Amino acid sequence: MRRMFETYRPRKIEFRKLLTVNDWNVKVYSITLNSNFQSLSILKRIENELPIFLTAADESTLPTYKVAFLIAHEAREGVWVLINWWAGGEMIETKVYFVKYSEPHLIKESPYNSNSLLCVWELEVFAHERKSWINSILKNAHNPDFKCYLDDIMKS
């Protein structure tokens, strides 16, 4: 198997907003390989589709807490969309979608089928959200502070 690597370069990661969708609170992040995130119309379409995306979370077999974080990652081949929600106390469930630059009106499920691939830049957001979840929720298991978790955003 041939492995292809590229030299690592940091990508711009930004917290964009906190959205309330149905009974869910969703932190929205963008990542871009460009100097600034340019796919604003795609991001708006993604935000408009959040009620549909969150049906997967509502159908989880694990308990959920109506808190999630969304990553819109402007990458080489298109915009990757990761909707991630906390479930079962200390786990994250993830659903991945993809938008081709040549078809910005179509949000499709990941071309990698049921596999949820995460890249090194997306893992930076996951690392922040993990630490925030531990500090706000798990260390206060008898009185979890969801507001503190939602207020704790990754700063670039």
N, C-alpha and C. Protein backbone atom coordinates (compact mmCIF):
# COMPACT_ATOMS: atom_id res chain seq x y z
N MET A 1 0.85 -1.18 0.00
CA MET A 1 0.00 0.00 0.00
C MET A 1 0.89 1.24 0.00
N ARG A 2 0.62 2.12 -0.90
CA ARG A 2 1.39 3.36 -1.01
C ARG A 2 0.75 4.43 -0.14
N ARG A 3 1.54 5.06 0.67
CA ARG A 3 1.04 6.12 1.53
C ARG A 3 1.44 7.47 0.97
N MET A 4 0.49 8.36 0.93
CA MET A 4 0.74 9.70 0.43
C MET A 4 0.57 10.67 1.60
N PHE A 5 1.56 11.49 1.83
CA PHE A 5 1.52 12.47 2.90
C PHE A 5 1.75 13.85 2.31
N GLU A 6 1.23 14.84 2.99
CA GLU A 6 1.57 16.21 2.65
C GLU A 6 2.16 16.84 3.90
N THR A 7 2.98 17.83 3.72
CA THR A 7 3.58 18.52 4.85
C THR A 7 2.48 19.22 5.64
N TYR A 8 2.47 19.00 6.95
CA TYR A 8 1.44 19.60 7.80
C TYR A 8 1.59 21.12 7.83
N ARG A 9 0.48 21.79 7.65
CA ARG A 9 0.38 23.24 7.84
C ARG A 9 -0.88 23.50 8.63
N PRO A 10 -0.80 24.34 9.63
CA PRO A 10 -2.01 24.64 10.40
C PRO A 10 -3.10 25.21 9.48
N ARG A 11 -4.33 24.95 9.84
CA ARG A 11 -5.47 25.52 9.13
C ARG A 11 -6.24 26.41 10.08
N LYS A 12 -6.87 27.40 9.51
CA LYS A 12 -7.63 28.35 10.33
C LYS A 12 -8.90 27.67 10.85
N ILE A 13 -9.05 27.68 12.16
CA ILE A 13 -10.23 27.13 12.83
C ILE A 13 -10.93 28.28 13.54
N GLU A 14 -12.22 28.42 13.29
CA GLU A 14 -12.98 29.50 13.92
C GLU A 14 -14.28 28.99 14.52
N PHE A 15 -14.59 29.47 15.71
CA PHE A 15 -15.94 29.29 16.24
C PHE A 15 -16.79 30.34 15.54
N ARG A 16 -17.92 29.92 14.99
CA ARG A 16 -18.76 30.84 14.22
C ARG A 16 -19.97 31.29 15.00
N LYS A 17 -20.66 30.36 15.67
CA LYS A 17 -21.87 30.74 16.41
C LYS A 17 -22.40 29.55 17.19
N LEU A 18 -23.31 29.86 18.09
CA LEU A 18 -24.06 28.84 18.80
C LEU A 18 -25.48 28.91 18.26
N LEU A 19 -25.97 27.79 17.74
CA LEU A 19 -27.31 27.73 17.18
C LEU A 19 -28.21 26.90 18.08
N THR A 20 -29.47 27.31 18.17
CA THR A 20 -30.49 26.49 18.81
C THR A 20 -31.41 25.99 17.71
N VAL A 21 -31.48 24.67 17.58
CA VAL A 21 -32.26 24.03 16.52
C VAL A 21 -33.13 22.95 17.18
N ASN A 22 -34.44 23.13 17.06
CA ASN A 22 -35.40 22.25 17.75
C ASN A 22 -35.03 22.28 19.23
N ASP A 23 -34.71 21.33 19.92
CA ASP A 23 -34.30 21.51 21.31
C ASP A 23 -32.80 21.35 21.49
N TRP A 24 -32.07 21.42 20.40
CA TRP A 24 -30.63 21.19 20.42
C TRP A 24 -29.87 22.50 20.45
N ASN A 25 -28.74 22.50 21.15
CA ASN A 25 -27.77 23.59 21.10
C ASN A 25 -26.55 23.07 20.36
N VAL A 26 -26.15 23.79 19.32
CA VAL A 26 -25.08 23.32 18.44
C VAL A 26 -24.01 24.40 18.31
N LYS A 27 -22.79 24.08 18.71
CA LYS A 27 -21.65 24.95 18.47
C LYS A 27 -21.22 24.74 17.02
N VAL A 28 -21.02 25.82 16.29
CA VAL A 28 -20.65 25.74 14.88
C VAL A 28 -19.22 26.24 14.71
N TYR A 29 -18.38 25.38 14.13
CA TYR A 29 -16.99 25.71 13.83
C TYR A 29 -16.75 25.60 12.33
N SER A 30 -15.79 26.39 11.85
CA SER A 30 -15.31 26.21 10.48
C SER A 30 -13.81 25.98 10.51
N ILE A 31 -13.36 25.24 9.53
CA ILE A 31 -11.93 25.00 9.31
C ILE A 31 -11.70 25.27 7.84
N THR A 32 -10.59 25.90 7.52
CA THR A 32 -10.28 26.15 6.11
C THR A 32 -8.81 26.00 5.83
N LEU A 33 -8.52 25.55 4.62
CA LEU A 33 -7.13 25.52 4.15
C LEU A 33 -6.75 26.87 3.56
N ASN A 34 -7.72 27.75 3.38
CA ASN A 34 -7.48 29.09 2.85
C ASN A 34 -7.17 30.06 4.00
N SER A 35 -6.87 31.29 3.68
CA SER A 35 -6.62 32.26 4.75
C SER A 35 -7.90 32.60 5.50
N ASN A 36 -9.05 32.52 4.82
CA ASN A 36 -10.35 32.73 5.45
C ASN A 36 -11.35 31.74 4.86
N PHE A 37 -12.34 31.35 5.66
CA PHE A 37 -13.37 30.44 5.20
C PHE A 37 -14.18 31.13 4.11
N GLN A 38 -14.27 30.50 2.95
CA GLN A 38 -14.90 31.14 1.79
C GLN A 38 -16.26 30.55 1.42
N SER A 39 -16.61 29.40 1.95
CA SER A 39 -17.83 28.70 1.54
C SER A 39 -19.02 29.09 2.41
N LEU A 40 -19.26 30.39 2.52
CA LEU A 40 -20.32 30.88 3.40
C LEU A 40 -21.70 30.43 2.95
N SER A 41 -21.94 30.36 1.64
CA SER A 41 -23.27 29.91 1.17
C SER A 41 -23.46 28.43 1.48
N ILE A 42 -22.41 27.64 1.40
CA ILE A 42 -22.50 26.22 1.77
C ILE A 42 -22.76 26.10 3.26
N LEU A 43 -22.06 26.90 4.06
CA LEU A 43 -22.27 26.87 5.51
C LEU A 43 -23.71 27.22 5.85
N LYS A 44 -24.27 28.21 5.19
CA LYS A 44 -25.67 28.59 5.42
C LYS A 44 -26.61 27.43 5.08
N ARG A 45 -26.34 26.76 3.98
CA ARG A 45 -27.16 25.59 3.58
C ARG A 45 -27.05 24.49 4.65
N ILE A 46 -25.84 24.26 5.14
CA ILE A 46 -25.62 23.26 6.19
C ILE A 46 -26.43 23.62 7.43
N GLU A 47 -26.37 24.88 7.83
CA GLU A 47 -27.13 25.32 9.01
C GLU A 47 -28.63 25.11 8.79
N ASN A 48 -29.11 25.37 7.59
CA ASN A 48 -30.52 25.18 7.29
C ASN A 48 -30.92 23.71 7.34
N GLU A 49 -29.97 22.81 7.08
CA GLU A 49 -30.24 21.37 7.09
C GLU A 49 -30.07 20.74 8.48
N LEU A 50 -29.63 21.52 9.46
CA LEU A 50 -29.40 20.97 10.79
C LEU A 50 -30.60 20.21 11.36
N PRO A 51 -31.83 20.69 11.20
CA PRO A 51 -32.95 19.90 11.74
C PRO A 51 -32.98 18.48 11.18
N ILE A 52 -32.65 18.33 9.92
CA ILE A 52 -32.62 16.99 9.31
C ILE A 52 -31.44 16.19 9.84
N PHE A 53 -30.27 16.82 9.91
CA PHE A 53 -29.08 16.13 10.42
C PHE A 53 -29.29 15.64 11.86
N LEU A 54 -29.98 16.44 12.65
CA LEU A 54 -30.17 16.10 14.07
C LEU A 54 -31.18 14.97 14.27
N THR A 55 -31.91 14.58 13.24
CA THR A 55 -32.80 13.43 13.40
C THR A 55 -32.00 12.18 13.71
N ALA A 56 -30.79 12.06 13.16
CA ALA A 56 -29.93 10.91 13.49
C ALA A 56 -29.59 10.92 14.98
N ALA A 57 -29.34 12.08 15.52
CA ALA A 57 -29.04 12.19 16.95
C ALA A 57 -30.27 11.84 17.78
N ASP A 58 -31.43 12.32 17.35
CA ASP A 58 -32.67 12.01 18.08
C ASP A 58 -32.98 10.52 18.06
N GLU A 59 -32.48 9.81 17.05
CA GLU A 59 -32.74 8.38 16.92
C GLU A 59 -31.67 7.53 17.58
N SER A 60 -30.72 8.14 18.25
CA SER A 60 -29.65 7.40 18.91
C SER A 60 -30.23 6.41 19.92
N THR A 61 -29.59 5.27 20.03
CA THR A 61 -30.01 4.30 21.04
C THR A 61 -29.43 4.63 22.41
N LEU A 62 -28.52 5.59 22.44
CA LEU A 62 -27.92 6.03 23.70
C LEU A 62 -28.61 7.31 24.18
N PRO A 63 -28.56 7.60 25.46
CA PRO A 63 -29.10 8.88 25.93
C PRO A 63 -28.32 10.03 25.30
N THR A 64 -29.01 11.08 24.91
CA THR A 64 -28.38 12.29 24.40
C THR A 64 -28.77 13.46 25.28
N TYR A 65 -28.06 14.56 25.13
CA TYR A 65 -28.23 15.69 26.04
C TYR A 65 -28.58 16.97 25.31
N LYS A 66 -28.91 16.83 24.01
CA LYS A 66 -29.32 17.96 23.18
C LYS A 66 -28.22 18.99 23.02
N VAL A 67 -26.97 18.54 23.06
CA VAL A 67 -25.82 19.41 22.78
C VAL A 67 -24.94 18.73 21.73
N ALA A 68 -24.47 19.54 20.80
CA ALA A 68 -23.69 19.01 19.69
C ALA A 68 -22.70 20.07 19.22
N PHE A 69 -21.77 19.64 18.37
CA PHE A 69 -20.93 20.60 17.68
C PHE A 69 -20.81 20.18 16.23
N LEU A 70 -20.81 21.17 15.39
CA LEU A 70 -20.76 20.99 13.95
C LEU A 70 -19.44 21.54 13.44
N ILE A 71 -18.81 20.81 12.54
CA ILE A 71 -17.59 21.29 11.89
C ILE A 71 -17.85 21.33 10.39
N ALA A 72 -17.64 22.49 9.79
CA ALA A 72 -17.66 22.64 8.33
C ALA A 72 -16.21 22.85 7.92
N HIS A 73 -15.63 21.87 7.25
CA HIS A 73 -14.20 21.88 6.93
C HIS A 73 -14.01 22.07 5.43
N GLU A 74 -13.57 23.26 5.08
CA GLU A 74 -13.26 23.60 3.69
C GLU A 74 -11.90 22.98 3.35
N ALA A 75 -11.94 21.85 2.64
CA ALA A 75 -10.73 21.09 2.34
C ALA A 75 -10.42 21.16 0.85
N ARG A 76 -9.44 20.40 0.41
CA ARG A 76 -9.04 20.42 -1.01
C ARG A 76 -10.18 20.01 -1.94
N GLU A 77 -10.87 18.93 -1.59
CA GLU A 77 -11.84 18.34 -2.50
C GLU A 77 -13.27 18.82 -2.32
N GLY A 78 -13.53 19.59 -1.26
CA GLY A 78 -14.88 20.09 -0.98
C GLY A 78 -15.01 20.41 0.49
N VAL A 79 -16.25 20.56 0.94
CA VAL A 79 -16.52 20.89 2.34
C VAL A 79 -17.02 19.64 3.04
N TRP A 80 -16.28 19.23 4.05
CA TRP A 80 -16.68 18.11 4.89
C TRP A 80 -17.54 18.66 6.01
N VAL A 81 -18.60 17.97 6.32
CA VAL A 81 -19.55 18.39 7.35
C VAL A 81 -19.61 17.29 8.40
N LEU A 82 -19.26 17.62 9.62
CA LEU A 82 -19.30 16.64 10.71
C LEU A 82 -20.26 17.15 11.77
N ILE A 83 -21.32 16.42 12.01
CA ILE A 83 -22.22 16.76 13.11
C ILE A 83 -21.94 15.73 14.21
N ASN A 84 -21.65 16.25 15.40
CA ASN A 84 -21.18 15.42 16.50
C ASN A 84 -22.01 15.72 17.74
N TRP A 85 -22.53 14.69 18.38
CA TRP A 85 -23.33 14.92 19.57
C TRP A 85 -22.87 13.99 20.68
N TRP A 86 -23.01 14.51 21.89
CA TRP A 86 -22.63 13.75 23.07
C TRP A 86 -23.72 12.74 23.38
N ALA A 87 -23.31 11.52 23.71
CA ALA A 87 -24.26 10.45 23.99
C ALA A 87 -23.68 9.50 25.03
N GLY A 88 -24.56 8.88 25.79
CA GLY A 88 -24.13 7.85 26.71
C GLY A 88 -23.18 8.33 27.78
N GLY A 89 -23.21 9.60 28.10
CA GLY A 89 -22.36 10.15 29.15
C GLY A 89 -21.04 10.71 28.65
N GLU A 90 -20.23 9.85 28.07
CA GLU A 90 -18.87 10.28 27.71
C GLU A 90 -18.46 9.90 26.29
N MET A 91 -19.44 9.73 25.43
CA MET A 91 -19.13 9.36 24.05
C MET A 91 -19.65 10.40 23.06
N ILE A 92 -19.04 10.39 21.89
CA ILE A 92 -19.48 11.26 20.80
C ILE A 92 -19.93 10.37 19.65
N GLU A 93 -21.12 10.65 19.15
CA GLU A 93 -21.57 10.03 17.91
C GLU A 93 -21.35 11.07 16.81
N THR A 94 -20.94 10.61 15.65
CA THR A 94 -20.60 11.50 14.54
C THR A 94 -21.26 11.03 13.27
N LYS A 95 -21.80 11.98 12.53
CA LYS A 95 -22.35 11.72 11.20
C LYS A 95 -21.61 12.66 10.25
N VAL A 96 -21.11 12.10 9.13
CA VAL A 96 -20.29 12.88 8.20
C VAL A 96 -21.02 13.04 6.87
N TYR A 97 -20.99 14.28 6.36
CA TYR A 97 -21.56 14.62 5.06
C TYR A 97 -20.48 15.30 4.23
N PHE A 98 -20.77 15.50 2.95
CA PHE A 98 -19.78 16.10 2.06
C PHE A 98 -20.48 16.95 1.00
N VAL A 99 -19.86 18.09 0.69
CA VAL A 99 -20.36 18.98 -0.36
C VAL A 99 -19.23 19.22 -1.35
N LYS A 100 -19.46 18.86 -2.61
CA LYS A 100 -18.47 19.14 -3.66
C LYS A 100 -18.55 20.62 -4.02
N TYR A 101 -17.39 21.21 -4.28
CA TYR A 101 -17.39 22.61 -4.73
C TYR A 101 -18.16 22.76 -6.03
N SER A 102 -18.13 21.73 -6.88
CA SER A 102 -18.82 21.81 -8.17
C SER A 102 -20.33 21.62 -8.04
N GLU A 103 -20.79 21.17 -6.87
CA GLU A 103 -22.23 20.97 -6.62
C GLU A 103 -22.59 21.52 -5.24
N PRO A 104 -22.45 22.83 -5.03
CA PRO A 104 -22.62 23.40 -3.69
C PRO A 104 -24.03 23.27 -3.13
N HIS A 105 -24.99 22.94 -3.97
CA HIS A 105 -26.37 22.81 -3.53
C HIS A 105 -26.68 21.40 -3.01
N LEU A 106 -25.75 20.45 -3.17
CA LEU A 106 -25.99 19.06 -2.75
C LEU A 106 -25.14 18.71 -1.53
N ILE A 107 -25.81 18.37 -0.46
CA ILE A 107 -25.13 17.86 0.73
C ILE A 107 -25.39 16.36 0.73
N LYS A 108 -24.32 15.60 0.57
CA LYS A 108 -24.46 14.14 0.48
C LYS A 108 -23.83 13.48 1.70
N GLU A 109 -24.24 12.25 1.95
CA GLU A 109 -23.58 11.50 3.00
C GLU A 109 -22.14 11.24 2.59
N SER A 110 -21.30 11.00 3.55
CA SER A 110 -19.88 10.77 3.29
C SER A 110 -19.67 9.73 2.20
N PRO A 111 -18.75 9.99 1.28
CA PRO A 111 -18.45 8.99 0.26
C PRO A 111 -17.77 7.74 0.85
N TYR A 112 -17.42 7.80 2.11
CA TYR A 112 -16.78 6.66 2.77
C TYR A 112 -17.78 5.79 3.51
N ASN A 113 -19.04 5.85 3.06
CA ASN A 113 -20.12 5.02 3.60
C ASN A 113 -20.29 5.24 5.09
N SER A 114 -20.33 4.19 5.85
CA SER A 114 -20.63 4.33 7.28
C SER A 114 -19.40 4.70 8.10
N ASN A 115 -18.22 4.74 7.50
CA ASN A 115 -17.02 5.12 8.24
C ASN A 115 -17.03 6.62 8.52
N SER A 116 -16.69 6.98 9.73
CA SER A 116 -16.61 8.39 10.10
C SER A 116 -15.14 8.77 10.18
N LEU A 117 -14.60 9.25 9.08
CA LEU A 117 -13.20 9.63 9.04
C LEU A 117 -13.03 11.04 9.61
N LEU A 118 -12.00 11.21 10.42
CA LEU A 118 -11.66 12.51 10.97
C LEU A 118 -10.22 12.81 10.61
N CYS A 119 -9.94 14.06 10.28
CA CYS A 119 -8.57 14.40 9.93
C CYS A 119 -7.90 15.14 11.09
N VAL A 120 -6.61 15.38 10.94
CA VAL A 120 -5.83 15.97 12.03
C VAL A 120 -6.35 17.36 12.43
N TRP A 121 -6.88 18.13 11.47
CA TRP A 121 -7.38 19.46 11.80
C TRP A 121 -8.70 19.38 12.56
N GLU A 122 -9.56 18.46 12.16
CA GLU A 122 -10.84 18.29 12.87
C GLU A 122 -10.61 17.80 14.29
N LEU A 123 -9.57 16.99 14.47
CA LEU A 123 -9.27 16.48 15.81
C LEU A 123 -8.90 17.58 16.78
N GLU A 124 -8.43 18.72 16.28
CA GLU A 124 -8.15 19.86 17.17
C GLU A 124 -9.44 20.33 17.84
N VAL A 125 -10.52 20.40 17.07
CA VAL A 125 -11.82 20.80 17.63
C VAL A 125 -12.30 19.73 18.60
N PHE A 126 -12.18 18.46 18.21
CA PHE A 126 -12.59 17.37 19.10
C PHE A 126 -11.82 17.43 20.42
N ALA A 127 -10.53 17.73 20.37
CA ALA A 127 -9.73 17.80 21.60
C ALA A 127 -10.25 18.91 22.51
N HIS A 128 -10.57 20.07 21.94
CA HIS A 128 -11.11 21.15 22.76
C HIS A 128 -12.46 20.74 23.37
N GLU A 129 -13.34 20.19 22.53
CA GLU A 129 -14.67 19.82 23.01
C GLU A 129 -14.60 18.72 24.07
N ARG A 130 -13.67 17.80 23.92
CA ARG A 130 -13.45 16.76 24.92
C ARG A 130 -13.09 17.36 26.26
N LYS A 131 -12.11 18.26 26.24
CA LYS A 131 -11.67 18.89 27.49
C LYS A 131 -12.81 19.68 28.13
N SER A 132 -13.55 20.40 27.31
CA SER A 132 -14.68 21.18 27.82
C SER A 132 -15.74 20.27 28.44
N TRP A 133 -16.04 19.15 27.78
CA TRP A 133 -17.04 18.20 28.29
C TRP A 133 -16.59 17.62 29.63
N ILE A 134 -15.32 17.25 29.71
CA ILE A 134 -14.79 16.72 30.98
C ILE A 134 -14.94 17.74 32.09
N ASN A 135 -14.49 18.98 31.83
CA ASN A 135 -14.50 20.00 32.88
C ASN A 135 -15.90 20.46 33.27
N SER A 136 -16.78 20.60 32.31
CA SER A 136 -18.12 21.16 32.60
C SER A 136 -19.14 20.09 32.99
N ILE A 137 -18.99 18.90 32.46
CA ILE A 137 -20.01 17.87 32.66
C ILE A 137 -19.50 16.72 33.54
N LEU A 138 -18.46 16.06 33.13
CA LEU A 138 -18.05 14.84 33.83
C LEU A 138 -17.43 15.09 35.19
N LYS A 139 -16.72 16.18 35.36
CA LYS A 139 -16.17 16.49 36.69
C LYS A 139 -17.25 17.00 37.63
N ASN A 140 -18.41 17.32 37.09
CA ASN A 140 -19.56 17.78 37.87
C ASN A 140 -20.75 16.85 37.61
N ALA A 141 -20.50 15.56 37.65
CA ALA A 141 -21.50 14.58 37.22
C ALA A 141 -22.83 14.71 37.95
N HIS A 142 -22.81 15.15 39.19
CA HIS A 142 -24.07 15.30 39.94
C HIS A 142 -24.78 16.61 39.65
N ASN A 143 -24.07 17.53 39.04
CA ASN A 143 -24.66 18.82 38.70
C ASN A 143 -23.98 19.36 37.43
N PRO A 144 -24.16 18.67 36.29
CA PRO A 144 -23.47 19.09 35.07
C PRO A 144 -23.85 20.50 34.65
N ASP A 145 -22.85 21.25 34.19
CA ASP A 145 -23.06 22.65 33.80
C ASP A 145 -23.04 22.77 32.28
N PHE A 146 -24.20 22.54 31.67
CA PHE A 146 -24.29 22.59 30.21
C PHE A 146 -24.06 24.00 29.68
N LYS A 147 -24.47 25.01 30.43
CA LYS A 147 -24.23 26.39 29.99
C LYS A 147 -22.73 26.66 29.90
N CYS A 148 -21.99 26.22 30.90
CA CYS A 148 -20.53 26.38 30.89
C CYS A 148 -19.93 25.67 29.67
N TYR A 149 -20.40 24.46 29.40
CA TYR A 149 -19.92 23.73 28.24
C TYR A 149 -20.20 24.51 26.95
N LEU A 150 -21.41 25.00 26.80
CA LEU A 150 -21.77 25.73 25.57
C LEU A 150 -21.03 27.05 25.43
N ASP A 151 -20.71 27.67 26.56
CA ASP A 151 -19.97 28.94 26.55
C ASP A 151 -18.48 28.74 26.27
N ASP A 152 -17.97 27.56 26.50
CA ASP A 152 -16.55 27.27 26.34
C ASP A 152 -16.28 26.94 24.86
N ILE A 153 -15.81 27.92 24.13
CA ILE A 153 -15.57 27.75 22.70
C ILE A 153 -14.07 27.75 22.42
N MET A 154 -13.71 27.08 21.35
CA MET A 154 -12.32 27.06 20.92
C MET A 154 -11.98 28.42 20.31
N LYS A 155 -10.92 29.01 20.79
CA LYS A 155 -10.48 30.30 20.26
C LYS A 155 -9.28 30.07 19.37
N SER A 156 -9.27 30.77 18.24
CA SER A 156 -8.14 30.59 17.31
C SER A 156 -7.02 31.54 17.61
